[in-house]
Amino acid sequence: MSDNPVEPDPVSVPDQPQPQSVSATRASYNLFSDTVIGVNTRKSDNKFQAIFIGISILVLAAVGSLIAVWNTEWEMPWYAGALLGAFAGLVFGTFASGIFLMFYRAWRHIQGKHD
């Protein structure tokens, strides 16, 4: 306890709400763009989606080239399998990461966190 009579006792100070990391305008835009329609401007979401899509493209391109090499009935060169796999990775990565972000952001909005 301090000797200053003006300073409040830390035990009796009521809990103050923590300031939000985003402004009220940004929070309402995020809520509207996530639930109705709009562009997602969160750098963390865009970075996650770009990395996920990139990894999906690389993995499925490798799988496509291996399938093209091992399946001799198709008479397809390895690079054609890699191109088909890369396209499949692009489509899969876009949809899978978008669906994940949709559920993640819905959960955050339910919790009242509109960051």
Protein backbone atom coordinates (compact mmCIF):
# COMPACT_ATOMS: atom_id res chain seq x y z
CA MET A 1 0.00 0.00 0.00
CA SER A 2 1.37 3.42 -0.90
CA ASP A 3 1.47 6.52 1.28
CA ASN A 4 -0.35 8.59 -1.35
CA PRO A 5 -3.97 9.15 -0.16
CA VAL A 6 -5.18 10.05 -3.69
CA GLU A 7 -3.99 6.81 -5.32
CA PRO A 8 -6.76 4.16 -5.24
CA ASP A 9 -6.17 0.81 -3.64
CA PRO A 10 -5.37 -1.68 -6.46
CA VAL A 11 -7.62 -4.29 -4.91
CA SER A 12 -10.69 -2.04 -4.91
CA VAL A 13 -10.29 -0.75 -8.48
CA PRO A 14 -13.10 -2.17 -10.63
CA ASP A 15 -12.14 -4.11 -13.73
CA GLN A 16 -12.00 -1.81 -16.69
CA PRO A 17 -12.80 -3.12 -20.15
CA GLN A 18 -9.73 -3.67 -22.27
CA PRO A 19 -9.51 -1.38 -25.29
CA GLN A 20 -10.17 -3.10 -28.60
CA SER A 21 -7.29 -3.44 -31.01
CA VAL A 22 -9.44 -2.19 -33.91
CA SER A 23 -11.70 0.82 -34.26
CA ALA A 24 -15.48 0.55 -34.18
CA THR A 25 -15.63 1.34 -37.89
CA ARG A 26 -13.18 -1.44 -38.74
CA ALA A 27 -15.03 -3.89 -36.48
CA SER A 28 -18.35 -3.14 -38.20
CA TYR A 29 -16.76 -3.48 -41.65
CA ASN A 30 -15.22 -6.82 -40.63
CA LEU A 31 -18.55 -8.05 -39.31
CA PHE A 32 -20.41 -6.97 -42.46
CA SER A 33 -17.78 -8.31 -44.89
CA ASP A 34 -17.59 -11.65 -43.08
CA THR A 35 -21.34 -12.22 -42.76
CA VAL A 36 -22.88 -10.53 -45.82
CA ILE A 37 -20.45 -9.65 -48.61
CA GLY A 38 -17.18 -7.83 -48.93
CA VAL A 39 -13.44 -8.04 -49.34
CA ASN A 40 -11.41 -9.51 -46.49
CA THR A 41 -8.68 -6.96 -45.74
CA ARG A 42 -7.05 -8.82 -42.85
CA LYS A 43 -3.39 -9.39 -43.66
CA SER A 44 -3.22 -12.45 -41.41
CA ASP A 45 -6.10 -14.17 -43.25
CA ASN A 46 -4.66 -13.32 -46.66
CA LYS A 47 -1.19 -14.53 -45.64
CA PHE A 48 -2.64 -17.80 -44.30
CA GLN A 49 -4.63 -18.35 -47.49
CA ALA A 50 -1.65 -17.61 -49.75
CA ILE A 51 0.62 -20.02 -47.85
CA PHE A 52 -2.06 -22.73 -47.78
CA ILE A 53 -2.72 -22.42 -51.52
CA GLY A 54 1.01 -22.44 -52.31
CA ILE A 55 1.58 -25.61 -50.29
CA SER A 56 -1.48 -27.25 -51.88
CA ILE A 57 -0.17 -26.45 -55.35
CA LEU A 58 3.27 -27.89 -54.60
CA VAL A 59 1.98 -31.06 -52.94
CA LEU A 60 -0.63 -31.87 -55.57
CA ALA A 61 1.77 -31.05 -58.42
CA ALA A 62 4.17 -33.63 -56.97
CA VAL A 63 1.34 -36.14 -56.58
CA GLY A 64 0.15 -35.48 -60.13
CA SER A 65 3.62 -36.01 -61.59
CA LEU A 66 4.04 -39.26 -59.65
CA ILE A 67 0.67 -40.54 -60.84
CA ALA A 68 1.55 -39.64 -64.44
CA VAL A 69 4.86 -41.51 -64.18
CA TRP A 70 3.45 -44.61 -62.47
CA ASN A 71 0.30 -44.93 -64.58
CA THR A 72 1.64 -45.96 -67.99
CA GLU A 73 -1.84 -46.51 -69.46
CA TRP A 74 -2.42 -42.76 -69.70
CA GLU A 75 0.76 -42.20 -71.75
CA MET A 76 1.12 -38.80 -70.12
CA PRO A 77 4.48 -37.08 -69.53
CA TRP A 78 5.36 -36.23 -65.92
CA TYR A 79 5.03 -32.48 -66.49
CA ALA A 80 1.44 -32.86 -67.74
CA GLY A 81 0.60 -34.67 -64.51
CA ALA A 82 2.36 -31.91 -62.58
CA LEU A 83 0.30 -29.24 -64.36
CA LEU A 84 -2.96 -31.07 -63.71
CA GLY A 85 -1.96 -31.61 -60.08
CA ALA A 86 -1.01 -27.95 -59.69
CA PHE A 87 -4.40 -26.88 -61.02
CA ALA A 88 -6.11 -29.33 -58.66
CA GLY A 89 -4.00 -27.88 -55.82
CA LEU A 90 -5.05 -24.36 -56.75
CA VAL A 91 -8.74 -25.28 -56.68
CA PHE A 92 -8.45 -27.40 -53.53
CA GLY A 93 -6.34 -24.83 -51.68
CA THR A 94 -8.69 -21.98 -52.51
CA PHE A 95 -11.81 -23.79 -51.38
CA ALA A 96 -10.30 -25.52 -48.33
CA SER A 97 -8.65 -22.39 -46.92
CA GLY A 98 -11.75 -20.30 -47.66
CA ILE A 99 -14.02 -22.76 -45.89
CA PHE A 100 -11.65 -22.90 -42.90
CA LEU A 101 -11.56 -19.10 -42.67
CA MET A 102 -15.35 -18.95 -42.97
CA PHE A 103 -15.83 -21.18 -39.92
CA TYR A 104 -12.96 -19.56 -38.00
CA ARG A 105 -14.31 -16.03 -38.51
CA ALA A 106 -17.87 -17.14 -37.67
CA TRP A 107 -16.56 -18.57 -34.39
CA ARG A 108 -14.70 -15.33 -33.63
CA HIS A 109 -17.82 -13.24 -34.34
CA ILE A 110 -19.91 -15.48 -32.07
CA GLN A 111 -17.35 -14.78 -29.33
CA GLY A 112 -17.75 -11.04 -29.97
CA LYS A 113 -14.25 -10.59 -31.37
CA HIS A 114 -14.58 -8.60 -34.60
CA ASP A 115 -10.86 -8.04 -35.18
